[in-house]
N, C-alpha and C. Protein backbone atom coordinates (compact mmCIF):
# COMPACT_ATOMS: atom_id res chain seq x y z
N MET A 1 -89.87 -12.76 -19.06
CA MET A 1 -89.30 -11.27 -18.54
C MET A 1 -90.26 -10.05 -19.48
N SER A 2 -91.02 -8.99 -18.40
CA SER A 2 -91.95 -8.20 -18.82
C SER A 2 -90.58 -6.97 -19.53
N GLN A 3 -90.90 -6.48 -19.86
CA GLN A 3 -90.30 -4.90 -20.62
C GLN A 3 -89.86 -4.09 -19.54
N SER A 4 -90.70 -4.13 -19.26
CA SER A 4 -90.57 -3.21 -17.89
C SER A 4 -90.10 -3.33 -16.36
N HIS A 5 -90.05 -4.73 -16.37
CA HIS A 5 -89.09 -5.22 -15.37
C HIS A 5 -87.75 -5.79 -16.24
N GLU A 6 -87.62 -6.11 -17.46
CA GLU A 6 -86.19 -6.46 -18.09
C GLU A 6 -85.57 -4.36 -17.77
N LEU A 7 -86.26 -3.14 -17.85
CA LEU A 7 -85.10 -2.60 -17.49
C LEU A 7 -85.32 -2.12 -16.34
N LYS A 8 -86.42 -2.24 -15.46
CA LYS A 8 -85.85 -2.11 -14.37
C LYS A 8 -84.82 -3.27 -13.05
N SER A 9 -84.38 -4.36 -13.73
CA SER A 9 -83.49 -5.35 -13.59
C SER A 9 -81.93 -4.85 -13.44
N SER A 10 -81.92 -4.00 -14.65
CA SER A 10 -80.62 -3.33 -15.55
C SER A 10 -80.58 -2.16 -15.00
N GLY A 11 -80.85 -1.62 -14.54
CA GLY A 11 -80.95 -0.43 -13.69
C GLY A 11 -81.56 0.81 -14.36
N LEU A 12 -82.34 0.89 -15.30
CA LEU A 12 -83.05 1.93 -16.45
C LEU A 12 -84.50 2.49 -15.86
N LYS A 13 -85.19 3.31 -15.53
CA LYS A 13 -86.34 4.21 -15.11
C LYS A 13 -86.70 3.25 -16.67
N VAL A 14 -87.93 3.08 -16.11
CA VAL A 14 -89.43 2.59 -17.10
C VAL A 14 -89.78 4.05 -18.12
N THR A 15 -89.16 4.08 -19.61
CA THR A 15 -90.12 5.62 -20.56
C THR A 15 -90.81 5.15 -21.90
N LEU A 16 -91.54 5.90 -21.76
CA LEU A 16 -92.11 4.83 -23.23
C LEU A 16 -91.24 4.68 -24.55
N PRO A 17 -89.54 5.76 -24.18
CA PRO A 17 -89.30 5.68 -25.64
C PRO A 17 -88.18 4.64 -25.46
N ARG A 18 -87.38 4.05 -23.49
CA ARG A 18 -87.24 2.79 -23.56
C ARG A 18 -88.12 1.22 -23.79
N LEU A 19 -89.54 1.39 -23.37
CA LEU A 19 -90.04 0.46 -23.31
C LEU A 19 -90.45 0.07 -25.33
N LYS A 20 -90.34 1.30 -25.99
CA LYS A 20 -90.91 1.60 -27.20
C LYS A 20 -89.57 0.50 -28.26
N ILE A 21 -88.63 0.67 -28.06
CA ILE A 21 -87.22 0.59 -28.44
C ILE A 21 -86.90 -1.38 -28.23
N LEU A 22 -87.39 -1.42 -26.63
CA LEU A 22 -86.65 -2.83 -26.63
C LEU A 22 -87.15 -3.58 -27.58
N GLU A 23 -88.97 -3.27 -26.86
CA GLU A 23 -89.87 -3.84 -27.79
C GLU A 23 -89.70 -4.20 -29.26
N LEU A 24 -89.22 -3.28 -29.90
CA LEU A 24 -88.44 -3.44 -31.22
C LEU A 24 -87.45 -4.33 -31.64
N PHE A 25 -86.85 -4.30 -30.90
CA PHE A 25 -85.68 -5.48 -30.70
C PHE A 25 -86.81 -6.98 -30.40
N GLN A 26 -86.84 -7.01 -29.25
CA GLN A 26 -87.47 -8.39 -28.59
C GLN A 26 -88.41 -8.90 -30.01
N ASN A 27 -89.03 -8.44 -30.70
CA ASN A 27 -90.21 -8.66 -31.55
C ASN A 27 -89.48 -8.38 -33.25
N ARG A 28 -88.65 -8.81 -33.00
CA ARG A 28 -87.27 -8.95 -34.55
C ARG A 28 -87.65 -10.67 -35.02
N GLU A 29 -88.06 -10.17 -36.55
CA GLU A 29 -87.73 -11.55 -36.57
C GLU A 29 -86.53 -12.33 -36.95
N PRO A 30 -85.88 -13.65 -37.32
CA PRO A 30 -84.75 -14.23 -37.46
C PRO A 30 -83.89 -12.84 -38.42
N GLY A 31 -82.95 -12.72 -38.64
CA GLY A 31 -82.13 -11.99 -40.01
C GLY A 31 -83.05 -10.76 -39.66
N GLN A 32 -83.17 -10.51 -38.93
CA GLN A 32 -83.66 -8.83 -38.89
C GLN A 32 -83.27 -8.07 -37.18
N ARG A 33 -82.28 -8.98 -36.69
CA ARG A 33 -82.33 -8.81 -35.59
C ARG A 33 -81.51 -7.54 -35.57
N HIS A 34 -80.54 -6.93 -36.21
CA HIS A 34 -79.84 -6.27 -35.89
C HIS A 34 -79.86 -4.79 -36.80
N LEU A 35 -80.21 -3.61 -35.93
CA LEU A 35 -80.89 -2.66 -36.56
C LEU A 35 -79.86 -1.86 -36.04
N GLY A 36 -79.47 -0.87 -36.97
CA GLY A 36 -78.70 0.46 -36.32
C GLY A 36 -79.76 1.64 -35.90
N ALA A 37 -79.18 2.45 -35.68
CA ALA A 37 -80.14 3.64 -34.88
C ALA A 37 -81.35 4.36 -35.67
N GLU A 38 -80.54 4.56 -37.08
CA GLU A 38 -81.77 4.62 -38.34
C GLU A 38 -82.85 3.46 -38.48
N ASP A 39 -81.98 2.29 -38.36
CA ASP A 39 -83.56 1.37 -38.72
C ASP A 39 -84.31 1.64 -37.55
N VAL A 40 -83.90 1.72 -36.31
CA VAL A 40 -85.03 1.77 -35.26
C VAL A 40 -86.20 3.44 -35.62
N TYR A 41 -85.22 4.99 -35.46
CA TYR A 41 -85.58 5.48 -36.18
C TYR A 41 -87.03 5.45 -37.13
N ARG A 42 -86.26 4.53 -38.31
CA ARG A 42 -87.43 4.11 -39.17
C ARG A 42 -88.67 3.24 -39.32
N LEU A 43 -88.92 2.21 -38.04
CA LEU A 43 -89.17 1.31 -37.94
C LEU A 43 -90.29 2.26 -37.05
N LEU A 44 -90.00 3.49 -35.92
CA LEU A 44 -90.52 3.70 -34.50
C LEU A 44 -91.83 4.87 -35.55
N LEU A 45 -90.81 5.07 -36.85
CA LEU A 45 -91.93 6.11 -38.08
C LEU A 45 -92.65 5.62 -38.26
N SER A 46 -92.60 4.18 -39.05
CA SER A 46 -94.05 4.06 -39.33
C SER A 46 -94.74 2.97 -38.29
N GLU A 47 -95.14 3.31 -37.25
CA GLU A 47 -95.53 2.98 -36.01
C GLU A 47 -96.54 4.35 -35.45
N ASP A 48 -95.98 5.52 -36.23
CA ASP A 48 -96.24 6.58 -35.77
C ASP A 48 -95.97 7.01 -34.09
N MET A 49 -94.83 6.57 -34.43
CA MET A 49 -93.95 6.91 -33.17
C MET A 49 -93.11 7.94 -33.25
N ASP A 50 -93.29 9.38 -32.83
CA ASP A 50 -92.21 10.27 -33.10
C ASP A 50 -91.12 10.56 -32.20
N MET A 51 -90.61 10.03 -32.51
CA MET A 51 -89.17 10.00 -31.66
C MET A 51 -87.64 10.69 -32.15
N GLY A 52 -87.26 11.62 -31.44
CA GLY A 52 -85.71 12.06 -32.44
C GLY A 52 -84.55 10.82 -32.24
N LEU A 53 -84.14 11.52 -32.94
CA LEU A 53 -82.76 10.52 -33.89
C LEU A 53 -81.87 10.68 -32.28
N ALA A 54 -82.07 11.73 -31.81
CA ALA A 54 -80.88 11.40 -30.56
C ALA A 54 -81.15 10.55 -29.57
N THR A 55 -82.69 10.99 -29.55
CA THR A 55 -83.01 10.34 -27.88
C THR A 55 -83.34 8.63 -28.32
N ILE A 56 -82.70 7.78 -29.74
CA ILE A 56 -82.69 6.85 -30.38
C ILE A 56 -81.06 6.39 -29.73
N TYR A 57 -80.35 7.23 -30.08
CA TYR A 57 -78.98 7.06 -29.75
C TYR A 57 -78.31 6.85 -28.42
N ARG A 58 -79.36 7.94 -27.75
CA ARG A 58 -79.20 7.77 -25.81
C ARG A 58 -79.63 6.57 -25.38
N VAL A 59 -80.92 6.13 -26.17
CA VAL A 59 -81.38 5.06 -25.26
C VAL A 59 -80.45 3.93 -25.56
N LEU A 60 -80.12 3.50 -26.94
CA LEU A 60 -79.42 2.99 -27.39
C LEU A 60 -77.82 2.37 -26.92
N THR A 61 -77.07 3.71 -26.19
CA THR A 61 -76.28 3.73 -25.52
C THR A 61 -76.60 3.34 -24.27
N GLN A 62 -77.52 3.48 -23.18
CA GLN A 62 -77.93 3.52 -22.30
C GLN A 62 -77.72 1.75 -22.24
N PHE A 63 -78.63 1.10 -23.54
CA PHE A 63 -79.54 -0.38 -23.46
C PHE A 63 -77.97 -1.44 -23.34
N GLU A 64 -76.57 -0.32 -24.09
CA GLU A 64 -75.76 -1.31 -24.58
C GLU A 64 -74.96 -1.44 -22.72
N GLN A 65 -74.58 0.04 -22.51
CA GLN A 65 -74.08 -0.22 -21.50
C GLN A 65 -74.31 -1.11 -20.21
N ALA A 66 -76.11 -1.27 -20.17
CA ALA A 66 -76.60 -1.66 -19.77
C ALA A 66 -76.29 -3.14 -19.19
N GLY A 67 -75.88 -3.39 -20.29
CA GLY A 67 -75.93 -5.12 -21.52
C GLY A 67 -77.11 -5.51 -22.22
N ILE A 68 -77.71 -4.94 -22.27
CA ILE A 68 -79.20 -4.91 -23.19
C ILE A 68 -79.50 -5.46 -24.03
N LEU A 69 -78.12 -4.82 -24.82
CA LEU A 69 -77.90 -4.84 -26.39
C LEU A 69 -76.42 -4.92 -26.14
N VAL A 70 -75.60 -5.72 -27.89
CA VAL A 70 -74.64 -5.29 -27.68
C VAL A 70 -74.43 -4.51 -29.04
N ARG A 71 -73.31 -4.03 -28.79
CA ARG A 71 -73.00 -2.94 -30.02
C ARG A 71 -71.71 -3.96 -31.11
N ARG A 72 -72.51 -4.06 -32.33
CA ARG A 72 -71.39 -5.11 -33.68
C ARG A 72 -70.95 -3.79 -34.48
N ASN A 73 -69.90 -3.63 -34.52
CA ASN A 73 -69.08 -2.82 -35.61
C ASN A 73 -68.56 -3.57 -36.69
N PHE A 74 -69.57 -3.95 -37.83
CA PHE A 74 -68.62 -4.34 -38.15
C PHE A 74 -68.69 -3.75 -39.88
N GLU A 75 -67.78 -4.13 -41.04
CA GLU A 75 -67.30 -2.91 -41.87
C GLU A 75 -67.15 -2.37 -42.71
N SER A 76 -68.83 -2.29 -42.74
CA SER A 76 -69.75 -1.01 -43.76
C SER A 76 -69.34 0.44 -42.40
N GLY A 77 -69.00 0.26 -41.62
CA GLY A 77 -68.51 1.44 -40.05
C GLY A 77 -69.98 1.19 -40.02
N LYS A 78 -71.30 0.95 -39.85
CA LYS A 78 -72.32 1.35 -39.46
C LYS A 78 -72.89 0.27 -37.95
N ALA A 79 -72.65 0.83 -36.94
CA ALA A 79 -72.92 0.36 -35.39
C ALA A 79 -74.34 -0.63 -35.57
N LEU A 80 -74.89 -1.37 -35.85
CA LEU A 80 -75.87 -2.25 -35.52
C LEU A 80 -75.88 -2.97 -34.45
N TYR A 81 -77.52 -2.95 -33.62
CA TYR A 81 -77.35 -3.93 -32.44
C TYR A 81 -77.90 -4.85 -32.45
N GLU A 82 -78.07 -6.21 -31.32
CA GLU A 82 -78.85 -6.47 -31.18
C GLU A 82 -79.17 -6.98 -29.98
N LEU A 83 -80.09 -7.97 -29.48
CA LEU A 83 -80.31 -8.69 -28.19
C LEU A 83 -79.48 -9.91 -27.35
N ASN A 84 -78.35 -9.05 -26.13
CA ASN A 84 -77.73 -9.66 -25.22
C ASN A 84 -78.72 -10.91 -25.03
N GLU A 85 -78.41 -11.63 -25.72
CA GLU A 85 -78.87 -13.19 -25.10
C GLU A 85 -78.29 -13.56 -24.55
N GLY A 86 -76.39 -13.65 -24.19
CA GLY A 86 -75.37 -13.91 -23.46
C GLY A 86 -74.86 -15.27 -24.20
N GLU A 87 -75.66 -15.65 -25.42
CA GLU A 87 -75.47 -17.29 -26.07
C GLU A 87 -74.39 -16.62 -27.11
N PRO A 88 -73.12 -16.69 -27.06
CA PRO A 88 -71.84 -16.61 -28.15
C PRO A 88 -72.19 -17.40 -29.81
N HIS A 89 -72.41 -15.98 -30.77
CA HIS A 89 -72.46 -16.76 -31.97
C HIS A 89 -71.81 -15.99 -32.85
N ASP A 90 -71.99 -16.41 -34.04
CA ASP A 90 -70.78 -15.75 -35.10
C ASP A 90 -71.42 -14.98 -36.07
N HIS A 91 -70.99 -14.20 -37.34
CA HIS A 91 -71.91 -13.42 -37.79
C HIS A 91 -71.38 -14.53 -39.53
N LEU A 92 -72.91 -13.86 -40.37
CA LEU A 92 -72.43 -13.75 -41.63
C LEU A 92 -73.01 -12.11 -42.06
N LEU A 93 -72.32 -11.70 -43.28
CA LEU A 93 -72.56 -9.94 -43.55
C LEU A 93 -72.53 -10.08 -44.99
N CYS A 94 -73.69 -9.77 -46.30
CA CYS A 94 -74.02 -9.55 -47.45
C CYS A 94 -73.10 -8.26 -47.65
N LEU A 95 -72.00 -7.88 -48.27
CA LEU A 95 -71.71 -6.73 -48.32
C LEU A 95 -72.15 -6.07 -49.66
N ASN A 96 -73.24 -6.64 -50.34
CA ASN A 96 -74.22 -5.40 -50.99
C ASN A 96 -75.32 -5.30 -50.18
N CYS A 97 -76.18 -5.58 -49.59
CA CYS A 97 -77.58 -5.46 -49.21
C CYS A 97 -77.41 -5.42 -47.58
N GLY A 98 -76.29 -6.18 -46.99
CA GLY A 98 -76.15 -5.82 -45.10
C GLY A 98 -76.71 -6.21 -44.67
N LYS A 99 -77.62 -7.76 -45.19
CA LYS A 99 -78.00 -8.58 -44.63
C LYS A 99 -76.99 -8.94 -43.79
N VAL A 100 -77.77 -9.14 -42.47
CA VAL A 100 -76.44 -10.29 -40.77
C VAL A 100 -77.31 -11.62 -41.11
N VAL A 101 -76.70 -12.61 -40.60
CA VAL A 101 -76.98 -13.60 -40.45
C VAL A 101 -76.34 -14.60 -39.04
N GLU A 102 -76.91 -14.67 -38.22
CA GLU A 102 -76.82 -14.97 -37.39
C GLU A 102 -76.10 -16.86 -36.96
N PHE A 103 -74.95 -17.27 -36.67
CA PHE A 103 -74.83 -18.73 -37.07
C PHE A 103 -74.22 -19.04 -35.60
N ASN A 104 -74.13 -20.60 -35.23
CA ASN A 104 -73.03 -21.23 -33.82
C ASN A 104 -72.82 -22.72 -34.46
N ASP A 105 -71.30 -22.22 -34.77
CA ASP A 105 -71.12 -23.63 -34.72
C ASP A 105 -70.09 -24.21 -33.94
N SER A 106 -70.41 -25.34 -33.52
CA SER A 106 -69.06 -26.08 -32.27
C SER A 106 -68.28 -26.37 -32.90
N GLN A 107 -68.20 -27.33 -33.88
CA GLN A 107 -66.73 -27.47 -34.21
C GLN A 107 -65.14 -25.65 -34.11
N ILE A 108 -66.22 -24.83 -34.81
CA ILE A 108 -65.61 -23.30 -35.22
C ILE A 108 -65.00 -23.21 -33.77
N THR A 109 -66.22 -22.88 -32.89
CA THR A 109 -65.82 -22.82 -31.35
C THR A 109 -65.14 -23.68 -30.75
N GLN A 110 -65.11 -24.77 -30.62
CA GLN A 110 -63.96 -26.34 -30.42
C GLN A 110 -62.29 -25.43 -30.87
N ARG A 111 -62.24 -25.76 -32.26
CA ARG A 111 -61.26 -24.95 -33.14
C ARG A 111 -60.42 -23.64 -32.27
N GLN A 112 -61.64 -22.65 -32.63
CA GLN A 112 -61.15 -21.17 -31.59
C GLN A 112 -60.53 -21.81 -30.44
N GLU A 113 -61.17 -22.15 -29.28
CA GLU A 113 -60.52 -22.63 -28.34
C GLU A 113 -58.94 -23.71 -28.16
N GLU A 114 -59.17 -24.19 -29.00
CA GLU A 114 -57.91 -25.28 -29.10
C GLU A 114 -56.28 -24.22 -29.62
N ILE A 115 -57.11 -23.16 -30.09
CA ILE A 115 -55.66 -22.53 -30.57
C ILE A 115 -55.56 -21.60 -29.33
N ALA A 116 -56.36 -20.84 -29.00
CA ALA A 116 -55.84 -20.24 -27.48
C ALA A 116 -55.37 -20.96 -27.04
N GLN A 117 -55.99 -21.97 -26.93
CA GLN A 117 -54.76 -22.84 -25.68
C GLN A 117 -53.69 -23.45 -26.22
N GLU A 118 -53.33 -23.70 -27.89
CA GLU A 118 -52.13 -23.82 -28.03
C GLU A 118 -51.28 -22.80 -28.09
N TYR A 119 -51.64 -21.87 -27.79
CA TYR A 119 -50.91 -20.43 -28.15
C TYR A 119 -51.11 -19.85 -25.78
N GLN A 120 -51.44 -20.53 -25.67
CA GLN A 120 -51.92 -19.49 -24.11
C GLN A 120 -52.17 -18.81 -23.46
N PHE A 121 -53.37 -18.30 -24.48
CA PHE A 121 -54.67 -17.88 -24.52
C PHE A 121 -55.79 -17.82 -23.70
N LEU A 122 -56.61 -17.52 -23.06
CA LEU A 122 -57.85 -17.24 -22.37
C LEU A 122 -58.85 -16.57 -22.41
N ILE A 123 -59.05 -17.13 -23.28
CA ILE A 123 -60.93 -16.36 -24.43
C ILE A 123 -61.70 -15.68 -23.66
N GLN A 124 -61.54 -14.16 -23.49
CA GLN A 124 -62.57 -13.63 -22.83
C GLN A 124 -63.63 -12.88 -23.62
N GLU A 125 -63.91 -13.08 -24.76
CA GLU A 125 -65.04 -12.88 -26.08
C GLU A 125 -64.01 -13.00 -26.95
N ARG A 126 -65.53 -13.53 -28.00
CA ARG A 126 -65.07 -13.94 -29.05
C ARG A 126 -66.09 -13.54 -30.17
N SER A 127 -65.48 -13.32 -31.34
CA SER A 127 -66.06 -12.29 -32.64
C SER A 127 -65.53 -13.40 -33.93
N MET A 128 -66.51 -13.34 -35.11
CA MET A 128 -66.01 -13.42 -36.09
C MET A 128 -67.02 -13.15 -37.30
N THR A 129 -66.28 -12.42 -38.42
CA THR A 129 -67.58 -11.99 -39.20
C THR A 129 -67.21 -12.59 -40.33
N LEU A 130 -68.22 -12.79 -40.76
CA LEU A 130 -67.27 -13.93 -42.53
C LEU A 130 -68.56 -12.64 -43.58
N TYR A 131 -67.73 -12.13 -43.94
CA TYR A 131 -68.42 -11.17 -45.38
C TYR A 131 -68.28 -11.79 -46.38
N GLY A 132 -68.97 -10.85 -46.99
CA GLY A 132 -69.87 -12.06 -48.71
C GLY A 132 -71.04 -11.38 -49.22
N THR A 133 -71.74 -12.06 -50.23
CA THR A 133 -72.55 -12.17 -51.21
C THR A 133 -73.90 -12.97 -50.60
N CYS A 134 -74.77 -12.37 -50.25
CA CYS A 134 -75.91 -13.01 -49.68
C CYS A 134 -76.69 -14.09 -51.13
N ALA A 135 -77.39 -15.14 -50.95
CA ALA A 135 -77.99 -16.00 -52.17
C ALA A 135 -79.21 -15.12 -52.42
N ASP A 136 -79.84 -13.52 -52.08
CA ASP A 136 -81.02 -12.84 -52.50
C ASP A 136 -79.58 -12.17 -53.97
N CYS A 137 -79.06 -11.80 -53.51
CA CYS A 137 -77.87 -10.84 -54.09
C CYS A 137 -77.28 -11.34 -55.57
N GLN A 138 -76.71 -12.58 -54.71
CA GLN A 138 -76.50 -13.81 -56.47
C GLN A 138 -76.90 -14.06 -57.00
N ALA A 139 -78.42 -13.79 -56.70
CA ALA A 139 -79.34 -14.21 -57.43
C ALA A 139 -79.63 -12.70 -58.40
N GLN A 140 -79.30 -11.88 -57.91
CA GLN A 140 -79.64 -10.87 -58.85
C GLN A 140 -78.62 -10.39 -59.91
N THR A 141 -77.42 -10.59 -59.73
CA THR A 141 -76.65 -10.64 -60.41
C THR A 141 -76.49 -11.11 -61.19
N LYS A 142 -76.97 -12.89 -61.19
CA LYS A 142 -76.93 -13.58 -62.22
C LYS A 142 -77.27 -13.21 -63.94
N PRO A 143 -76.62 -13.41 -64.69
CA PRO A 143 -77.06 -12.99 -65.91
C PRO A 143 -77.99 -13.92 -66.53
N LYS A 144 -79.27 -13.02 -66.99
CA LYS A 144 -80.64 -13.57 -67.47
C LYS A 144 -80.67 -14.74 -69.13
N ARG A 145 -80.84 -15.75 -68.88
CA ARG A 145 -81.19 -16.02 -70.01
C ARG A 145 -81.94 -16.18 -70.56
């Protein structure tokens, strides 16, 4: 789906800031899909796109309200956004560098459903984040021999 079509179908007017921000999220590599407002700002500056931080926050909020992006509030206290692709998934978050890894495990999902059924809960939304240290940060802290 084209970016302008996606904006229009979400009820948003097509503007240059919205197109550029949507493009940033759509072109991210795995492992780099979670961006905060400051990350978006830096990426736009690196592309010689001068956009104010207030505009970026406003567009991110509009995208969240329109269901284009999902906001994740991890323990760092910093809101990160990712494209809403409709598929539930979980996260690993490095407490040192902030790296976020997405994963989906059918056994975990099945177990969550079993637990909900056991306690007579109807799951409407699910979110699981595991906090730790990524392999890169672990390698940096290992003593040199």
